[in-house]
């Protein structure tokens, strides 16, 4: 079945039907992977903020334990900074 990736994860981890189970697996599994990356990256890189860009659904950001700030134009902003440094 199709699942709505923009919908928030259901309140219970255990889904009541196939679509709810798939949605929980996707949303909570991806949030768990992002939290794991943050836990492993933060100490060695001295990071205190994490940013998301692109089409990362709000449901995943909300399900993460790690606060993730969203900047829609993060990549474009970075490319602009690189262009400013390299222009002649």
Protein backbone atom coordinates (compact mmCIF):
# COMPACT_ATOMS: atom_id res chain seq x y z
CA UNK A 1 0.00 0.00 0.00
CA UNK A 2 0.98 3.60 -0.49
CA UNK A 3 1.88 5.56 2.60
CA UNK A 4 1.81 9.28 3.22
CA UNK A 5 5.36 10.29 4.13
CA UNK A 6 4.29 13.80 5.08
CA UNK A 7 1.81 12.60 7.71
CA UNK A 8 3.06 12.44 11.30
CA UNK A 9 3.95 9.05 12.69
CA UNK A 10 1.08 7.34 14.50
CA UNK A 11 1.05 7.66 18.30
CA UNK A 12 1.77 3.96 18.81
CA UNK A 13 4.94 2.33 17.53
CA UNK A 14 2.89 -0.75 16.71
CA UNK A 15 0.75 -0.09 13.66
CA UNK A 16 -2.82 -1.33 13.41
CA UNK A 17 -2.61 -2.05 9.68
CA UNK A 18 -0.01 -2.56 6.97
CA UNK A 19 0.13 1.11 5.93
CA UNK A 20 0.64 2.27 9.54
CA UNK A 21 3.42 -0.32 10.03
CA UNK A 22 5.17 0.80 6.85
CA UNK A 23 4.84 4.44 7.83
CA UNK A 24 6.19 3.76 11.32
CA UNK A 25 9.09 1.79 9.90
CA UNK A 26 9.98 4.51 7.45
CA UNK A 27 9.54 7.52 9.75
CA UNK A 28 10.92 6.04 12.96
CA UNK A 29 13.65 4.05 11.19
CA UNK A 30 14.93 7.09 9.33
CA UNK A 31 14.72 9.22 12.49
CA UNK A 32 16.72 6.55 14.34
CA UNK A 33 19.40 6.54 11.65
CA UNK A 34 19.68 10.34 11.78
CA UNK A 35 19.90 10.28 15.58
CA UNK A 36 22.64 7.64 15.36
CA UNK A 37 24.61 9.72 12.86
CA UNK A 38 24.27 12.76 15.11
CA UNK A 39 25.38 10.80 18.19
CA UNK A 40 28.47 9.49 16.41
CA UNK A 41 29.35 12.73 14.58
CA UNK A 42 28.83 15.35 17.27
CA UNK A 43 31.74 14.45 19.62
CA UNK A 44 34.40 14.04 16.94
CA UNK A 45 33.36 17.06 14.89
CA UNK A 46 32.39 19.34 17.80
CA UNK A 47 28.95 19.90 16.32
CA UNK A 48 26.16 21.48 18.30
CA UNK A 49 23.66 22.09 15.48
CA UNK A 50 22.32 19.86 12.74
CA UNK A 51 20.64 21.16 9.61
CA UNK A 52 18.38 19.53 7.07
CA UNK A 53 17.67 20.71 3.57
CA UNK A 54 15.70 19.41 0.64
CA UNK A 55 12.58 17.30 0.99
CA UNK A 56 13.17 15.68 4.39
CA UNK A 57 9.59 15.27 5.64
CA UNK A 58 8.59 17.17 8.75
CA UNK A 59 7.38 13.89 10.28
CA UNK A 60 10.95 12.55 10.29
CA UNK A 61 12.44 15.72 11.77
CA UNK A 62 9.75 15.71 14.46
CA UNK A 63 10.44 12.04 15.29
CA UNK A 64 14.17 12.65 15.85
CA UNK A 65 15.52 13.03 19.38
CA UNK A 66 18.21 15.32 17.94
CA UNK A 67 16.95 18.81 17.16
CA UNK A 68 17.28 19.36 13.43
CA UNK A 69 17.00 22.85 12.02
CA UNK A 70 15.52 23.14 8.54
CA UNK A 71 16.93 25.49 5.91
CA UNK A 72 15.35 25.15 2.52
CA UNK A 73 18.10 27.05 0.71
CA UNK A 74 21.12 25.65 2.57
CA UNK A 75 22.81 24.18 -0.52
CA UNK A 76 22.17 27.28 -2.62
CA UNK A 77 23.50 29.49 0.19
CA UNK A 78 26.67 27.38 0.38
CA UNK A 79 27.20 27.52 -3.37
CA UNK A 80 26.76 31.30 -3.26
CA UNK A 81 29.41 31.58 -0.53
CA UNK A 82 31.81 29.50 -2.63
CA UNK A 83 31.08 31.69 -5.65
CA UNK A 84 31.78 34.85 -3.60
CA UNK A 85 35.15 33.46 -2.49
CA UNK A 86 36.20 32.46 -6.01
CA UNK A 87 34.94 35.35 -8.11
CA UNK A 88 37.51 37.61 -9.65
